[in-house]
Amino acid sequence: MKQKSIAIKIIAITLKLLAIVLSFKKHKIAGFKVKTKPNVFPPRFTISNEVFYDFLSKVKRSFNLGVDIGCGSGILSLILASKCKHVIATDISLSAVKVSYENAKLNNILDKICIIACDVASALKNNVADIVVANPPFFKGRARTSIEQAIFHNREFIRKLASDTWRILKTGGLLYITLSTLGSYREYIRELIRRGFKVRLKRVRRGFYGEIIMLVEAEKVS
C-alpha cells in the first residue's frame, strides 16, 4: 500500500511538471495542432491519452452526437469531431474550456464542437448522445488546484459520472473510459454496472510504476 501511495504521488508530480513543460509551444497530436496551459491536463506523453488516440483512430462507425466529459485541452473532442456530426465538450475548469475553444478554433472545427463549462454533464439534456468519452481523474484524493481536478477525485464524482453518462446516452449508446489499476478502477466499474451498463474491456497498456491503463467500453442497455 505504501509503494502504491508513493507511485501515485510520483505520477501526480510528473503530470503537473509535464503540463508546465508542454505549455511552452504548440504540438502536433493525432494530426491536430494543440496548445495547452500549465493548469490543464497534458495532452501528450500520457498513456491514457495515447490509448484513446489509438483506439478512436480505428473506430469505423460514425455518430451523430459525441460528448467529451472532462475535455481538458480538447484533444479527444478534436478526434471525436472526425467521427461525429456534432461534439459537445465539457469541463469544470474554465482554463480547460478556454484551451479547448482555442484548439477547436486552431483546427478550424468550431462549427462542429460546442464547449461548455459544467460539472461532468450536468448541463446536457437526457438521451442525446451516441458516444461519450472520458479520461477521468484516476486517484482518490483532494484536488486543491485546477490541474489536480484532472488527477484526484472523491466518491461523489464516480457516482455523478456514471449517473450523468447514463442519463445523456441514448439506449445502445457507448461510453469509453480510461482507468488505472493504481486508481479507483474497481469503484468506477462497480458503479457503471450498478447503473445498468454492460461493461467490456477494450484495450490494456502497461504504464509506469506497475500501473496498467485500461480502456473500458460501457454500453447503455435497455
Protein backbone atom coordinates (compact mmCIF):
# COMPACT_ATOMS: atom_id res chain seq x y z
CA MET A 1 0.00 0.00 0.00
CA LYS A 2 2.86 2.38 0.84
CA GLN A 3 4.51 1.58 -2.50
CA LYS A 4 1.24 2.33 -4.31
CA SER A 5 0.88 5.64 -2.47
CA ILE A 6 4.41 6.65 -3.46
CA ALA A 7 3.74 5.70 -7.10
CA ILE A 8 0.59 7.86 -7.18
CA LYS A 9 2.48 10.84 -5.74
CA ILE A 10 5.23 10.45 -8.36
CA ILE A 11 2.68 10.20 -11.18
CA ALA A 12 0.83 13.30 -9.92
CA ILE A 13 4.07 15.32 -9.74
CA THR A 14 5.08 14.11 -13.21
CA LEU A 15 1.74 15.15 -14.71
CA LYS A 16 1.99 18.62 -13.15
CA LEU A 17 5.52 19.12 -14.48
CA LEU A 18 4.52 17.77 -17.89
CA ALA A 19 1.62 20.23 -18.08
CA ILE A 20 4.05 23.10 -17.45
CA VAL A 21 6.63 21.91 -19.99
CA LEU A 22 4.07 21.31 -22.74
CA SER A 23 2.54 24.77 -22.31
CA PHE A 24 5.54 26.50 -23.90
CA LYS A 25 4.69 25.59 -27.50
CA LYS A 26 2.09 24.12 -29.86
CA HIS A 27 2.10 20.39 -30.55
CA LYS A 28 1.00 18.09 -33.35
CA ILE A 29 -1.06 15.28 -31.83
CA ALA A 30 -3.08 12.69 -33.78
CA GLY A 31 -2.95 15.02 -36.77
CA PHE A 32 -4.21 18.07 -34.87
CA LYS A 33 -2.49 21.26 -33.74
CA VAL A 34 -2.80 21.54 -29.98
CA LYS A 35 -1.71 24.06 -27.37
CA THR A 36 -2.23 23.89 -23.65
CA LYS A 37 -1.70 25.65 -20.32
CA PRO A 38 0.16 24.73 -17.12
CA ASN A 39 -3.10 24.14 -15.22
CA VAL A 40 -4.67 21.83 -17.84
CA PHE A 41 -4.15 18.06 -18.08
CA PRO A 42 -1.29 17.40 -20.53
CA PRO A 43 -2.49 16.08 -23.91
CA ARG A 44 0.83 14.45 -24.75
CA PHE A 45 3.13 11.79 -23.24
CA THR A 46 0.29 10.38 -21.11
CA ILE A 47 -0.52 6.71 -21.65
CA SER A 48 -4.25 7.13 -21.05
CA ASN A 49 -4.50 9.66 -23.87
CA GLU A 50 -2.32 7.55 -26.16
CA VAL A 51 -4.62 4.56 -25.62
CA PHE A 52 -7.57 6.75 -26.58
CA TYR A 53 -5.83 8.16 -29.68
CA ASP A 54 -5.02 4.68 -30.92
CA PHE A 55 -8.50 3.32 -30.27
CA LEU A 56 -10.53 6.23 -31.67
CA SER A 57 -8.40 6.42 -34.82
CA LYS A 58 -9.50 2.86 -35.63
CA VAL A 59 -13.22 3.34 -34.98
CA LYS A 60 -15.02 2.88 -38.30
CA ARG A 61 -18.52 3.91 -37.19
CA SER A 62 -19.88 7.43 -37.49
CA PHE A 63 -22.11 9.04 -34.86
CA ASN A 64 -24.48 11.98 -34.67
CA LEU A 65 -23.52 13.42 -31.27
CA GLY A 66 -20.38 12.68 -29.28
CA VAL A 67 -19.61 14.04 -25.81
CA ASP A 68 -16.17 14.53 -24.25
CA ILE A 69 -16.54 14.70 -20.45
CA GLY A 70 -13.64 16.45 -18.71
CA CYS A 71 -12.24 17.62 -22.03
CA GLY A 72 -9.04 19.25 -20.74
CA SER A 73 -7.12 20.51 -23.77
CA GLY A 74 -9.88 19.22 -26.05
CA ILE A 75 -7.75 16.70 -27.93
CA LEU A 76 -10.32 13.91 -27.62
CA SER A 77 -13.01 16.33 -28.80
CA LEU A 78 -10.95 17.04 -31.91
CA ILE A 79 -10.63 13.33 -32.67
CA LEU A 80 -14.33 12.77 -31.94
CA ALA A 81 -15.19 15.50 -34.44
CA SER A 82 -13.84 13.27 -37.20
CA LYS A 83 -16.28 10.53 -36.14
CA CYS A 84 -19.31 12.63 -35.16
CA LYS A 85 -21.57 15.15 -36.83
CA HIS A 86 -21.58 17.22 -33.63
CA VAL A 87 -19.46 17.19 -30.45
CA ILE A 88 -20.09 18.65 -27.01
CA ALA A 89 -17.07 19.06 -24.72
CA THR A 90 -17.48 19.73 -21.00
CA ASP A 91 -15.11 20.61 -18.19
CA ILE A 92 -15.48 22.12 -14.73
CA SER A 93 -12.23 24.06 -15.26
CA LEU A 94 -12.64 27.41 -17.02
CA SER A 95 -8.99 27.20 -18.11
CA ALA A 96 -9.69 23.88 -19.83
CA VAL A 97 -12.81 25.27 -21.50
CA LYS A 98 -10.81 28.20 -22.84
CA VAL A 99 -7.98 25.99 -24.12
CA SER A 100 -10.46 23.58 -25.76
CA TYR A 101 -12.12 26.50 -27.52
CA GLU A 102 -8.76 27.81 -28.74
CA ASN A 103 -7.77 24.36 -30.04
CA ALA A 104 -11.07 23.89 -31.87
CA LYS A 105 -10.55 27.29 -33.45
CA LEU A 106 -6.92 26.49 -34.24
CA ASN A 107 -8.05 23.40 -36.17
CA ASN A 108 -10.96 25.17 -37.92
CA ILE A 109 -13.71 22.96 -36.47
CA LEU A 110 -15.52 25.33 -34.13
CA ASP A 111 -18.63 24.73 -36.23
CA LYS A 112 -18.71 21.11 -35.01
CA ILE A 113 -17.67 21.48 -31.35
CA CYS A 114 -19.58 23.17 -28.54
CA ILE A 115 -17.57 23.64 -25.32
CA ILE A 116 -19.49 24.02 -22.05
CA ALA A 117 -18.29 24.80 -18.53
CA CYS A 118 -20.16 22.43 -16.20
CA ASP A 119 -19.68 19.64 -13.68
CA VAL A 120 -19.45 16.35 -15.62
CA ALA A 121 -22.52 16.54 -17.92
CA SER A 122 -24.96 18.45 -15.73
CA ALA A 123 -25.77 20.98 -18.49
CA LEU A 124 -26.74 18.35 -21.08
CA LYS A 125 -30.22 17.03 -21.87
CA ASN A 126 -31.34 13.42 -21.46
CA ASN A 127 -30.91 10.75 -24.15
CA VAL A 128 -29.00 12.86 -26.66
CA ALA A 129 -25.54 11.27 -27.04
CA ASP A 130 -24.48 8.34 -29.19
CA ILE A 131 -20.95 8.13 -27.79
CA VAL A 132 -19.25 9.56 -24.69
CA VAL A 133 -15.51 9.59 -23.95
CA ALA A 134 -13.92 10.29 -20.59
CA ASN A 135 -10.34 10.27 -19.35
CA PRO A 136 -11.29 10.92 -15.71
CA PRO A 137 -9.20 11.53 -12.60
CA PHE A 138 -7.86 8.14 -11.54
CA PHE A 139 -6.93 8.61 -7.90
CA LYS A 140 -8.85 9.26 -4.69
CA GLY A 141 -7.76 12.49 -3.09
CA ARG A 142 -8.39 16.14 -2.50
CA ALA A 143 -7.97 18.40 -5.54
CA ARG A 144 -6.59 21.77 -4.46
CA THR A 145 -5.83 23.21 -7.91
CA SER A 146 -7.27 23.10 -11.42
CA ILE A 147 -4.70 20.57 -12.65
CA GLU A 148 -5.33 18.38 -9.58
CA GLN A 149 -9.02 18.18 -10.56
CA ALA A 150 -7.84 16.11 -13.52
CA ILE A 151 -5.82 13.79 -11.26
CA PHE A 152 -7.79 13.34 -7.99
CA HIS A 153 -11.47 12.66 -7.33
CA ASN A 154 -13.88 11.99 -4.49
CA ARG A 155 -16.54 9.28 -4.22
CA GLU A 156 -19.30 11.59 -5.39
CA PHE A 157 -17.50 12.18 -8.69
CA ILE A 158 -17.66 8.49 -9.62
CA ARG A 159 -21.39 8.36 -8.87
CA LYS A 160 -22.04 11.53 -10.85
CA LEU A 161 -20.01 10.39 -13.86
CA ALA A 162 -21.94 7.11 -14.06
CA SER A 163 -25.28 8.83 -13.44
CA ASP A 164 -24.78 11.69 -15.90
CA THR A 165 -23.43 9.40 -18.61
CA TRP A 166 -26.37 7.02 -18.26
CA ARG A 167 -28.76 9.97 -18.41
CA ILE A 168 -27.35 11.64 -21.55
CA LEU A 169 -26.72 8.48 -23.59
CA LYS A 170 -29.34 7.07 -25.91
CA THR A 171 -30.23 3.41 -25.44
CA GLY A 172 -27.44 1.47 -27.15
CA GLY A 173 -25.07 4.41 -26.70
CA LEU A 174 -21.46 3.83 -25.71
CA LEU A 175 -19.17 5.24 -23.04
CA TYR A 176 -15.42 4.81 -23.45
CA ILE A 177 -13.42 5.48 -20.30
CA THR A 178 -9.78 5.01 -19.31
CA LEU A 179 -8.96 3.62 -15.86
CA SER A 180 -5.81 2.83 -13.89
CA THR A 181 -5.02 -0.19 -11.72
CA LEU A 182 -3.30 2.20 -9.29
CA GLY A 183 -6.52 4.18 -9.03
CA SER A 184 -10.21 3.60 -8.36
CA TYR A 185 -10.88 1.33 -11.33
CA ARG A 186 -12.93 -1.14 -9.28
CA GLU A 187 -15.17 1.65 -7.96
CA TYR A 188 -15.69 3.09 -11.45
CA ILE A 189 -16.57 -0.31 -12.94
CA ARG A 190 -18.79 -1.26 -9.99
CA GLU A 191 -20.75 1.99 -10.29
CA LEU A 192 -21.16 1.63 -14.07
CA ILE A 193 -22.53 -1.89 -13.64
CA ARG A 194 -24.81 -0.72 -10.81
CA ARG A 195 -26.25 1.90 -13.15
CA GLY A 196 -27.09 -0.79 -15.71
CA PHE A 197 -24.19 -0.52 -18.15
CA LYS A 198 -22.84 -3.59 -19.91
CA VAL A 199 -19.08 -3.30 -19.41
CA ARG A 200 -16.34 -4.67 -21.69
CA LEU A 201 -12.55 -4.33 -21.63
CA LYS A 202 -11.26 -2.99 -24.98
CA ARG A 203 -7.59 -2.09 -24.50
CA VAL A 204 -4.80 -2.65 -21.97
CA ARG A 205 -1.48 -0.80 -21.84
CA ARG A 206 1.29 -1.16 -19.26
CA GLY A 207 2.36 2.12 -17.68
CA PHE A 208 4.97 3.16 -15.14
CA TYR A 209 5.47 2.03 -11.52
CA GLY A 210 3.44 -1.14 -12.13
CA GLU A 211 0.42 0.78 -13.41
CA ILE A 212 -1.83 -0.75 -16.08
CA ILE A 213 -4.10 1.55 -18.10
CA MET A 214 -7.39 0.07 -19.30
CA LEU A 215 -9.83 1.36 -21.90
CA VAL A 216 -13.31 0.20 -20.93
CA GLU A 217 -16.47 0.25 -23.05
CA ALA A 218 -19.78 0.65 -21.24
CA GLU A 219 -22.98 0.21 -23.26
CA LYS A 220 -26.30 1.62 -22.12
CA VAL A 221 -28.68 -1.30 -22.47
CA SER A 222 -32.45 -1.11 -22.07
